Protein backbone atom coordinates (compact mmCIF):
# COMPACT_ATOMS: atom_id res chain seq x y z
CA UNK A 1 0.00 0.00 0.00
CA UNK A 2 2.87 2.37 0.82
CA UNK A 3 4.50 1.64 -2.56
CA UNK A 4 1.26 2.42 -4.37
CA UNK A 5 0.95 5.78 -2.62
CA UNK A 6 4.58 6.61 -3.38
CA UNK A 7 4.10 5.65 -7.03
CA UNK A 8 1.00 7.83 -7.29
CA UNK A 9 2.85 10.80 -5.75
CA UNK A 10 5.76 10.30 -8.17
CA UNK A 11 3.34 10.10 -11.09
CA UNK A 12 1.68 13.36 -10.03
CA UNK A 13 5.03 15.16 -9.70
CA UNK A 14 6.15 13.80 -13.06
CA UNK A 15 2.97 15.05 -14.74
CA UNK A 16 3.39 18.51 -13.20
CA UNK A 17 7.06 18.63 -14.20
CA UNK A 18 6.22 17.74 -17.82
CA UNK A 19 3.54 20.43 -17.81
CA UNK A 20 5.98 23.04 -16.52
CA UNK A 21 8.56 22.12 -19.17
CA UNK A 22 5.94 22.39 -21.93
CA UNK A 23 4.72 25.74 -20.61
CA UNK A 24 8.27 27.10 -20.34
CA UNK A 25 9.04 26.08 -23.92
CA UNK A 26 5.83 27.62 -25.21
CA UNK A 27 6.49 30.86 -23.36
CA UNK A 28 10.00 31.03 -24.84
CA UNK A 29 8.49 30.68 -28.32
CA UNK A 30 5.97 33.43 -27.55
CA UNK A 31 8.82 35.75 -26.53
CA UNK A 32 10.66 34.98 -29.79
CA UNK A 33 7.47 35.56 -31.80
CA UNK A 34 6.90 38.92 -30.10
CA UNK A 35 10.48 40.02 -30.76
CA UNK A 36 10.05 39.10 -34.43
CA UNK A 37 6.75 40.96 -34.55
CA UNK A 38 8.25 44.13 -33.05
CA UNK A 39 11.15 43.95 -35.51
CA UNK A 40 8.70 43.42 -38.36
CA UNK A 41 6.66 46.44 -37.29
CA UNK A 42 9.69 48.71 -37.13
CA UNK A 43 11.07 47.49 -40.47
CA UNK A 44 7.69 47.87 -42.17
CA UNK A 45 7.16 51.34 -40.74
CA UNK A 46 10.62 52.41 -41.89
CA UNK A 47 9.97 51.05 -45.39
CA UNK A 48 6.56 52.71 -45.55
CA UNK A 49 7.93 56.07 -44.45
CA UNK A 50 10.64 55.75 -47.11
CA UNK A 51 7.92 55.40 -49.73
CA UNK A 52 8.08 51.63 -50.28
CA UNK A 53 4.40 50.80 -49.92
CA UNK A 54 4.74 47.36 -51.50
CA UNK A 55 6.10 45.89 -48.27
CA UNK A 56 3.06 46.76 -46.18
CA UNK A 57 0.67 44.00 -47.29
CA UNK A 58 3.13 41.07 -47.00
CA UNK A 59 4.29 42.34 -43.61
CA UNK A 60 0.69 42.64 -42.43
CA UNK A 61 -0.06 39.09 -43.51
CA UNK A 62 3.08 37.74 -41.85
CA UNK A 63 2.32 39.71 -38.68
CA UNK A 64 -1.16 38.17 -38.63
CA UNK A 65 0.37 34.71 -38.93
CA UNK A 66 2.73 35.44 -36.04
CA UNK A 67 -0.26 36.62 -34.00
CA UNK A 68 -2.12 33.39 -34.78
CA UNK A 69 0.96 31.43 -33.70
CA UNK A 70 1.00 33.28 -30.37
CA UNK A 71 -2.72 32.64 -29.95
CA UNK A 72 -2.25 28.92 -30.65
CA UNK A 73 0.57 28.75 -28.11
CA UNK A 74 -1.63 30.51 -25.54
CA UNK A 75 -4.35 27.93 -26.07
CA UNK A 76 -1.75 25.16 -25.76
CA UNK A 77 -0.43 26.59 -22.48
CA UNK A 78 -3.95 26.88 -21.10
CA UNK A 79 -4.72 23.25 -21.97
CA UNK A 80 -1.43 21.92 -20.58
CA UNK A 81 -1.88 23.91 -17.38
CA UNK A 82 -5.42 22.59 -16.93
CA UNK A 83 -4.30 18.99 -17.52
CA UNK A 84 -1.31 19.22 -15.19
CA UNK A 85 -3.52 20.48 -12.35
CA UNK A 86 -6.06 17.64 -12.59
CA UNK A 87 -6.29 15.61 -9.40
PDB file of N, CA and C in Angstrom:
ATOM      1  N   UNK A   1       0.816  -1.193   0.000  1.00  0.00           N
ATOM      2  CA  UNK A   1       0.000   0.000   0.000  1.00  0.00           C
ATOM      3  C   UNK A   1       0.862   1.259   0.000  1.00  0.00           C
ATOM      4  N   UNK A   2       1.975   1.224   0.758  1.00  0.00           N
ATOM      5  CA  UNK A   2       2.870   2.375   0.816  1.00  0.00           C
ATOM      6  C   UNK A   2       3.521   2.599  -0.551  1.00  0.00           C
ATOM      7  N   UNK A   3       3.890   1.512  -1.232  1.00  0.00           N
ATOM      8  CA  UNK A   3       4.498   1.635  -2.562  1.00  0.00           C
ATOM      9  C   UNK A   3       3.527   2.244  -3.563  1.00  0.00           C
ATOM     10  N   UNK A   4       2.266   1.880  -3.458  1.00  0.00           N
ATOM     11  CA  UNK A   4       1.257   2.418  -4.366  1.00  0.00           C
ATOM     12  C   UNK A   4       1.101   3.924  -4.155  1.00  0.00           C
ATOM     13  N   UNK A   5       1.065   4.359  -2.906  1.00  0.00           N
ATOM     14  CA  UNK A   5       0.946   5.784  -2.617  1.00  0.00           C
ATOM     15  C   UNK A   5       2.174   6.547  -3.106  1.00  0.00           C
ATOM     16  N   UNK A   6       3.352   5.966  -2.925  1.00  0.00           N
ATOM     17  CA  UNK A   6       4.581   6.608  -3.380  1.00  0.00           C
ATOM     18  C   UNK A   6       4.599   6.704  -4.904  1.00  0.00           C
ATOM     19  N   UNK A   7       4.154   5.632  -5.569  1.00  0.00           N
ATOM     20  CA  UNK A   7       4.105   5.653  -7.031  1.00  0.00           C
ATOM     21  C   UNK A   7       3.122   6.699  -7.547  1.00  0.00           C
ATOM     22  N   UNK A   8       1.990   6.832  -6.878  1.00  0.00           N
ATOM     23  CA  UNK A   8       0.999   7.832  -7.290  1.00  0.00           C
ATOM     24  C   UNK A   8       1.543   9.249  -7.098  1.00  0.00           C
ATOM     25  N   UNK A   9       2.255   9.481  -5.997  1.00  0.00           N
ATOM     26  CA  UNK A   9       2.847  10.795  -5.749  1.00  0.00           C
ATOM     27  C   UNK A   9       3.916  11.105  -6.797  1.00  0.00           C
ATOM     28  N   UNK A  10       4.732  10.103  -7.145  1.00  0.00           N
ATOM     29  CA  UNK A  10       5.761  10.297  -8.175  1.00  0.00           C
ATOM     30  C   UNK A  10       5.136  10.572  -9.538  1.00  0.00           C
ATOM     31  N   UNK A  11       4.035   9.894  -9.826  1.00  0.00           N
ATOM     32  CA  UNK A  11       3.338  10.105 -11.090  1.00  0.00           C
ATOM     33  C   UNK A  11       2.786  11.530 -11.171  1.00  0.00           C
ATOM     34  N   UNK A  12       2.221  12.002 -10.066  1.00  0.00           N
ATOM     35  CA  UNK A  12       1.680  13.363 -10.033  1.00  0.00           C
ATOM     36  C   UNK A  12       2.787  14.402 -10.222  1.00  0.00           C
ATOM     37  N   UNK A  13       3.912  14.224  -9.539  1.00  0.00           N
ATOM     38  CA  UNK A  13       5.034  15.156  -9.695  1.00  0.00           C
ATOM     39  C   UNK A  13       5.579  15.124 -11.113  1.00  0.00           C
ATOM     40  N   UNK A  14       5.643  13.934 -11.697  1.00  0.00           N
ATOM     41  CA  UNK A  14       6.148  13.805 -13.064  1.00  0.00           C
ATOM     42  C   UNK A  14       5.229  14.523 -14.047  1.00  0.00           C
ATOM     43  N   UNK A  15       3.928  14.392 -13.854  1.00  0.00           N
ATOM     44  CA  UNK A  15       2.969  15.053 -14.739  1.00  0.00           C
ATOM     45  C   UNK A  15       3.087  16.575 -14.615  1.00  0.00           C
ATOM     46  N   UNK A  16       3.234  17.074 -13.393  1.00  0.00           N
ATOM     47  CA  UNK A  16       3.386  18.509 -13.196  1.00  0.00           C
ATOM     48  C   UNK A  16       4.697  19.014 -13.794  1.00  0.00           C
ATOM     49  N   UNK A  17       5.770  18.229 -13.648  1.00  0.00           N
ATOM     50  CA  UNK A  17       7.065  18.629 -14.203  1.00  0.00           C
ATOM     51  C   UNK A  17       6.998  18.704 -15.720  1.00  0.00           C
ATOM     52  N   UNK A  18       6.364  17.711 -16.358  1.00  0.00           N
ATOM     53  CA  UNK A  18       6.218  17.741 -17.819  1.00  0.00           C
ATOM     54  C   UNK A  18       5.404  18.952 -18.259  1.00  0.00           C
ATOM     55  N   UNK A  19       4.356  19.265 -17.487  1.00  0.00           N
ATOM     56  CA  UNK A  19       3.541  20.434 -17.807  1.00  0.00           C
ATOM     57  C   UNK A  19       4.340  21.712 -17.713  1.00  0.00           C
ATOM     58  N   UNK A  20       5.167  21.830 -16.678  1.00  0.00           N
ATOM     59  CA  UNK A  20       5.980  23.037 -16.523  1.00  0.00           C
ATOM     60  C   UNK A  20       7.006  23.171 -17.639  1.00  0.00           C
ATOM     61  N   UNK A  21       7.585  22.072 -18.066  1.00  0.00           N
ATOM     62  CA  UNK A  21       8.557  22.117 -19.169  1.00  0.00           C
ATOM     63  C   UNK A  21       7.870  22.553 -20.462  1.00  0.00           C
ATOM     64  N   UNK A  22       6.678  22.015 -20.716  1.00  0.00           N
ATOM     65  CA  UNK A  22       5.941  22.389 -21.928  1.00  0.00           C
ATOM     66  C   UNK A  22       5.550  23.857 -21.893  1.00  0.00           C
ATOM     67  N   UNK A  23       5.116  24.335 -20.735  1.00  0.00           N
ATOM     68  CA  UNK A  23       4.722  25.741 -20.607  1.00  0.00           C
ATOM     69  C   UNK A  23       5.932  26.654 -20.774  1.00  0.00           C
ATOM     70  N   UNK A  24       7.059  26.283 -20.201  1.00  0.00           N
ATOM     71  CA  UNK A  24       8.268  27.098 -20.339  1.00  0.00           C
ATOM     72  C   UNK A  24       8.710  27.181 -21.795  1.00  0.00           C
ATOM     73  N   UNK A  25       8.674  26.077 -22.501  1.00  0.00           N
ATOM     74  CA  UNK A  25       9.036  26.082 -23.922  1.00  0.00           C
ATOM     75  C   UNK A  25       8.097  26.927 -24.752  1.00  0.00           C
ATOM     76  N   UNK A  26       6.806  26.829 -24.470  1.00  0.00           N
ATOM     77  CA  UNK A  26       5.827  27.624 -25.214  1.00  0.00           C
ATOM     78  C   UNK A  26       6.007  29.109 -24.931  1.00  0.00           C
ATOM     79  N   UNK A  27       6.287  29.458 -23.695  1.00  0.00           N
ATOM     80  CA  UNK A  27       6.494  30.864 -23.356  1.00  0.00           C
ATOM     81  C   UNK A  27       7.758  31.420 -24.018  1.00  0.00           C
ATOM     82  N   UNK A  28       8.788  30.593 -24.136  1.00  0.00           N
ATOM     83  CA  UNK A  28      10.002  31.027 -24.835  1.00  0.00           C
ATOM     84  C   UNK A  28       9.692  31.300 -26.310  1.00  0.00           C
ATOM     85  N   UNK A  29       8.872  30.451 -26.925  1.00  0.00           N
ATOM     86  CA  UNK A  29       8.486  30.679 -28.319  1.00  0.00           C
ATOM     87  C   UNK A  29       7.651  31.945 -28.462  1.00  0.00           C
ATOM     88  N   UNK A  30       6.769  32.215 -27.502  1.00  0.00           N
ATOM     89  CA  UNK A  30       5.967  33.434 -27.547  1.00  0.00           C
ATOM     90  C   UNK A  30       6.877  34.659 -27.489  1.00  0.00           C
ATOM     91  N   UNK A  31       7.884  34.618 -26.628  1.00  0.00           N
ATOM     92  CA  UNK A  31       8.820  35.746 -26.535  1.00  0.00           C
ATOM     93  C   UNK A  31       9.538  35.950 -27.867  1.00  0.00           C
ATOM     94  N   UNK A  32       9.983  34.873 -28.482  1.00  0.00           N
ATOM     95  CA  UNK A  32      10.659  34.979 -29.786  1.00  0.00           C
ATOM     96  C   UNK A  32       9.702  35.538 -30.834  1.00  0.00           C
ATOM     97  N   UNK A  33       8.464  35.050 -30.851  1.00  0.00           N
ATOM     98  CA  UNK A  33       7.474  35.561 -31.801  1.00  0.00           C
ATOM     99  C   UNK A  33       7.230  37.054 -31.602  1.00  0.00           C
ATOM    100  N   UNK A  34       7.153  37.492 -30.357  1.00  0.00           N
ATOM    101  CA  UNK A  34       6.903  38.916 -30.100  1.00  0.00           C
ATOM    102  C   UNK A  34       8.088  39.782 -30.513  1.00  0.00           C
ATOM    103  N   UNK A  35       9.299  39.285 -30.309  1.00  0.00           N
ATOM    104  CA  UNK A  35      10.481  40.024 -30.760  1.00  0.00           C
ATOM    105  C   UNK A  35      10.471  40.152 -32.281  1.00  0.00           C
ATOM    106  N   UNK A  36      10.135  39.062 -32.967  1.00  0.00           N
ATOM    107  CA  UNK A  36      10.047  39.097 -34.431  1.00  0.00           C
ATOM    108  C   UNK A  36       8.963  40.077 -34.868  1.00  0.00           C
ATOM    109  N   UNK A  37       7.838  40.087 -34.169  1.00  0.00           N
ATOM    110  CA  UNK A  37       6.747  40.963 -34.554  1.00  0.00           C
ATOM    111  C   UNK A  37       7.113  42.440 -34.345  1.00  0.00           C
ATOM    112  N   UNK A  38       7.809  42.747 -33.276  1.00  0.00           N
ATOM    113  CA  UNK A  38       8.246  44.131 -33.049  1.00  0.00           C
ATOM    114  C   UNK A  38       9.255  44.549 -34.118  1.00  0.00           C
ATOM    115  N   UNK A  39      10.181  43.648 -34.449  1.00  0.00           N
ATOM    116  CA  UNK A  39      11.148  43.950 -35.509  1.00  0.00           C
ATOM    117  C   UNK A  39      10.424  44.161 -36.839  1.00  0.00           C
ATOM    118  N   UNK A  40       9.448  43.313 -37.114  1.00  0.00           N
ATOM    119  CA  UNK A  40       8.701  43.422 -38.362  1.00  0.00           C
ATOM    120  C   UNK A  40       7.947  44.752 -38.433  1.00  0.00           C
ATOM    121  N   UNK A  41       7.369  45.157 -37.320  1.00  0.00           N
ATOM    122  CA  UNK A  41       6.659  46.436 -37.290  1.00  0.00           C
ATOM    123  C   UNK A  41       7.598  47.603 -37.563  1.00  0.00           C
ATOM    124  N   UNK A  42       8.752  47.588 -36.922  1.00  0.00           N
ATOM    125  CA  UNK A  42       9.687  48.706 -37.126  1.00  0.00           C
ATOM    126  C   UNK A  42      10.237  48.711 -38.553  1.00  0.00           C
ATOM    127  N   UNK A  43      10.557  47.551 -39.102  1.00  0.00           N
ATOM    128  CA  UNK A  43      11.073  47.486 -40.470  1.00  0.00           C
ATOM    129  C   UNK A  43      10.011  47.911 -41.480  1.00  0.00           C
ATOM    130  N   UNK A  44       8.768  47.495 -41.253  1.00  0.00           N
ATOM    131  CA  UNK A  44       7.689  47.871 -42.168  1.00  0.00           C
ATOM    132  C   UNK A  44       7.395  49.359 -42.095  1.00  0.00           C
ATOM    133  N   UNK A  45       7.395  49.905 -40.894  1.00  0.00           N
ATOM    134  CA  UNK A  45       7.156  51.340 -40.741  1.00  0.00           C
ATOM    135  C   UNK A  45       8.266  52.150 -41.406  1.00  0.00           C
ATOM    136  N   UNK A  46       9.500  51.711 -41.253  1.00  0.00           N
ATOM    137  CA  UNK A  46      10.619  52.405 -41.889  1.00  0.00           C
ATOM    138  C   UNK A  46      10.497  52.351 -43.409  1.00  0.00           C
ATOM    139  N   UNK A  47      10.135  51.172 -43.941  1.00  0.00           N
ATOM    140  CA  UNK A  47       9.971  51.052 -45.392  1.00  0.00           C
ATOM    141  C   UNK A  47       8.809  51.908 -45.887  1.00  0.00           C
ATOM    142  N   UNK A  48       7.721  51.917 -45.142  1.00  0.00           N
ATOM    143  CA  UNK A  48       6.559  52.713 -45.545  1.00  0.00           C
ATOM    144  C   UNK A  48       6.880  54.204 -45.553  1.00  0.00           C
ATOM    145  N   UNK A  49       7.580  54.650 -44.512  1.00  0.00           N
ATOM    146  CA  UNK A  49       7.932  56.073 -44.445  1.00  0.00           C
ATOM    147  C   UNK A  49       8.942  56.464 -45.520  1.00  0.00           C
ATOM    148  N   UNK A  50       9.699  55.482 -46.019  1.00  0.00           N
ATOM    149  CA  UNK A  50      10.644  55.752 -47.105  1.00  0.00           C
ATOM    150  C   UNK A  50       9.959  55.707 -48.469  1.00  0.00           C
ATOM    151  N   UNK A  51       8.657  55.409 -48.476  1.00  0.00           N
ATOM    152  CA  UNK A  51       7.922  55.403 -49.734  1.00  0.00           C
ATOM    153  C   UNK A  51       7.770  54.045 -50.383  1.00  0.00           C
ATOM    154  N   UNK A  52       8.194  52.987 -49.735  1.00  0.00           N
ATOM    155  CA  UNK A  52       8.080  51.632 -50.280  1.00  0.00           C
ATOM    156  C   UNK A  52       6.801  50.992 -49.747  1.00  0.00           C
ATOM    157  N   UNK A  53       5.691  51.275 -50.411  1.00  0.00           N
ATOM    158  CA  UNK A  53       4.401  50.797 -49.920  1.00  0.00           C
ATOM    159  C   UNK A  53       4.140  49.330 -50.257  1.00  0.00           C
ATOM    160  N   UNK A  54       4.942  48.753 -51.110  1.00  0.00           N
ATOM    161  CA  UNK A  54       4.736  47.357 -51.497  1.00  0.00           C
ATOM    162  C   UNK A  54       5.035  46.370 -50.381  1.00  0.00           C
ATOM    163  N   UNK A  55       5.741  46.797 -49.366  1.00  0.00           N
ATOM    164  CA  UNK A  55       6.098  45.886 -48.269  1.00  0.00           C
ATOM    165  C   UNK A  55       5.032  45.807 -47.191  1.00  0.00           C
ATOM    166  N   UNK A  56       4.042  46.685 -47.269  1.00  0.00           N
ATOM    167  CA  UNK A  56       3.061  46.764 -46.180  1.00  0.00           C
ATOM    168  C   UNK A  56       2.154  45.537 -46.145  1.00  0.00           C
ATOM    169  N   UNK A  57       1.604  45.134 -47.269  1.00  0.00           N
ATOM    170  CA  UNK A  57       0.670  44.004 -47.288  1.00  0.00           C
ATOM    171  C   UNK A  57       1.337  42.685 -46.880  1.00  0.00           C
ATOM    172  N   UNK A  58       2.494  42.314 -47.453  1.00  0.00           N
ATOM    173  CA  UNK A  58       3.127  41.068 -47.000  1.00  0.00           C
ATOM    174  C   UNK A  58       3.494  41.094 -45.511  1.00  0.00           C
ATOM    175  N   UNK A  59       3.941  42.242 -45.028  1.00  0.00           N
ATOM    176  CA  UNK A  59       4.293  42.344 -43.612  1.00  0.00           C
ATOM    177  C   UNK A  59       3.058  42.210 -42.734  1.00  0.00           C
ATOM    178  N   UNK A  60       1.937  42.761 -43.185  1.00  0.00           N
ATOM    179  CA  UNK A  60       0.693  42.644 -42.430  1.00  0.00           C
ATOM    180  C   UNK A  60       0.234  41.198 -42.369  1.00  0.00           C
ATOM    181  N   UNK A  61       0.333  40.501 -43.465  1.00  0.00           N
ATOM    182  CA  UNK A  61      -0.064  39.089 -43.508  1.00  0.00           C
ATOM    183  C   UNK A  61       0.846  38.261 -42.595  1.00  0.00           C
ATOM    184  N   UNK A  62       2.143  38.490 -42.688  1.00  0.00           N
ATOM    185  CA  UNK A  62       3.080  37.743 -41.846  1.00  0.00           C
ATOM    186  C   UNK A  62       2.862  38.063 -40.367  1.00  0.00           C
ATOM    187  N   UNK A  63       2.579  39.320 -40.057  1.00  0.00           N
ATOM    188  CA  UNK A  63       2.316  39.713 -38.679  1.00  0.00           C
ATOM    189  C   UNK A  63       1.056  39.026 -38.161  1.00  0.00           C
ATOM    190  N   UNK A  64       0.056  38.897 -39.006  1.00  0.00           N
ATOM    191  CA  UNK A  64      -1.158  38.173 -38.628  1.00  0.00           C
ATOM    192  C   UNK A  64      -0.874  36.703 -38.350  1.00  0.00           C
ATOM    193  N   UNK A  65      -0.005  36.104 -39.153  1.00  0.00           N
ATOM    194  CA  UNK A  65       0.367  34.708 -38.928  1.00  0.00           C
ATOM    195  C   UNK A  65       1.131  34.537 -37.614  1.00  0.00           C
ATOM    196  N   UNK A  66       2.005  35.487 -37.312  1.00  0.00           N
ATOM    197  CA  UNK A  66       2.731  35.444 -36.042  1.00  0.00           C
ATOM    198  C   UNK A  66       1.754  35.578 -34.876  1.00  0.00           C
ATOM    199  N   UNK A  67       0.760  36.466 -35.022  1.00  0.00           N
ATOM    200  CA  UNK A  67      -0.261  36.619 -33.996  1.00  0.00           C
ATOM    201  C   UNK A  67      -1.032  35.321 -33.795  1.00  0.00           C
ATOM    202  N   UNK A  68      -1.401  34.663 -34.886  1.00  0.00           N
ATOM    203  CA  UNK A  68      -2.119  33.392 -34.776  1.00  0.00           C
ATOM    204  C   UNK A  68      -1.251  32.326 -34.098  1.00  0.00           C
ATOM    205  N   UNK A  69       0.056  32.350 -34.375  1.00  0.00           N
ATOM    206  CA  UNK A  69       0.964  31.429 -33.699  1.00  0.00           C
ATOM    207  C   UNK A  69       0.999  31.677 -32.197  1.00  0.00           C
ATOM    208  N   UNK A  70       1.031  32.942 -31.804  1.00  0.00           N
ATOM    209  CA  UNK A  70       0.997  33.280 -30.368  1.00  0.00           C
ATOM    210  C   UNK A  70      -0.322  32.857 -29.745  1.00  0.00           C
ATOM    211  N   UNK A  71      -1.411  33.044 -30.462  1.00  0.00           N
ATOM    212  CA  UNK A  71      -2.720  32.637 -29.952  1.00  0.00           C
ATOM    213  C   UNK A  71      -2.791  31.122 -29.782  1.00  0.00           C
ATOM    214  N   UNK A  72      -2.261  30.384 -30.751  1.00  0.00           N
ATOM    215  CA  UNK A  72      -2.246  28.922 -30.652  1.00  0.00           C
ATOM    216  C   UNK A  72      -1.394  28.465 -29.466  1.00  0.00           C
ATOM    217  N   UNK A  73      -0.262  29.105 -29.250  1.00  0.00           N
ATOM    218  CA  UNK A  73       0.574  28.755 -28.106  1.00  0.00           C
ATOM    219  C   UNK A  73      -0.109  29.087 -26.788  1.00  0.00           C
ATOM    220  N   UNK A  74      -0.874  30.177 -26.748  1.00  0.00           N
ATOM    221  CA  UNK A  74      -1.626  30.510 -25.542  1.00  0.00           C
ATOM    222  C   UNK A  74      -2.675  29.447 -25.247  1.00  0.00           C
ATOM    223  N   UNK A  75      -3.369  28.996 -26.266  1.00  0.00           N
ATOM    224  CA  UNK A  75      -4.352  27.926 -26.074  1.00  0.00           C
ATOM    225  C   UNK A  75      -3.674  26.637 -25.613  1.00  0.00           C
ATOM    226  N   UNK A  76      -2.506  26.340 -26.165  1.00  0.00           N
ATOM    227  CA  UNK A  76      -1.747  25.157 -25.759  1.00  0.00           C
ATOM    228  C   UNK A  76      -1.345  25.250 -24.291  1.00  0.00           C
ATOM    229  N   UNK A  77      -0.845  26.410 -23.874  1.00  0.00           N
ATOM    230  CA  UNK A  77      -0.429  26.591 -22.477  1.00  0.00           C
ATOM    231  C   UNK A  77      -1.621  26.440 -21.542  1.00  0.00           C
ATOM    232  N   UNK A  78      -2.752  27.002 -21.922  1.00  0.00           N
ATOM    233  CA  UNK A  78      -3.953  26.883 -21.096  1.00  0.00           C
ATOM    234  C   UNK A  78      -4.362  25.424 -20.935  1.00  0.00           C
ATOM    235  N   UNK A  79      -4.325  24.664 -22.030  1.00  0.00           N
ATOM    236  CA  UNK A  79      -4.719  23.254 -21.970  1.00  0.00           C
ATOM    237  C   UNK A  79      -3.736  22.438 -21.142  1.00  0.00           C
ATOM    238  N   UNK A  80      -2.441  22.664 -21.339  1.00  0.00           N
ATOM    239  CA  UNK A  80      -1.435  21.915 -20.578  1.00  0.00           C
ATOM    240  C   UNK A  80      -1.532  22.247 -19.094  1.00  0.00           C
ATOM    241  N   UNK A  81      -1.747  23.511 -18.788  1.00  0.00           N
ATOM    242  CA  UNK A  81      -1.881  23.913 -17.383  1.00  0.00           C
ATOM    243  C   UNK A  81      -3.092  23.253 -16.748  1.00  0.00           C
ATOM    244  N   UNK A  82      -4.199  23.230 -17.456  1.00  0.00           N
ATOM    245  CA  UNK A  82      -5.417  22.591 -16.935  1.00  0.00           C
ATOM    246  C   UNK A  82      -5.201  21.100 -16.708  1.00  0.00           C
ATOM    247  N   UNK A  83      -4.535  20.431 -17.660  1.00  0.00           N
ATOM    248  CA  UNK A  83      -4.298  18.989 -17.524  1.00  0.00           C
ATOM    249  C   UNK A  83      -3.309  18.659 -16.414  1.00  0.00           C
ATOM    250  N   UNK A  84      -2.316  19.520 -16.220  1.00  0.00           N
ATOM    251  CA  UNK A  84      -1.311  19.218 -15.187  1.00  0.00           C
ATOM    252  C   UNK A  84      -1.850  19.465 -13.793  1.00  0.00           C
ATOM    253  N   UNK A  85      -2.937  20.213 -13.662  1.00  0.00           N
ATOM    254  CA  UNK A  85      -3.524  20.478 -12.349  1.00  0.00           C
ATOM    255  C   UNK A  85      -4.653  19.522 -11.993  1.00  0.00           C
ATOM    256  N   UNK A  86      -4.998  18.609 -12.895  1.00  0.00           N
ATOM    257  CA  UNK A  86      -6.064  17.636 -12.593  1.00  0.00           C
ATOM    258  C   UNK A  86      -5.648  16.771 -11.404  1.00  0.00           C
ATOM    259  N   UNK A  87      -6.616  16.470 -10.553  1.00  0.00           N
ATOM    260  CA  UNK A  87      -6.289  15.606  -9.400  1.00  0.00           C
ATOM    261  C   UNK A  87      -6.049  14.168  -9.788  1.00  0.00           C
TER     262      UNK A  87
END
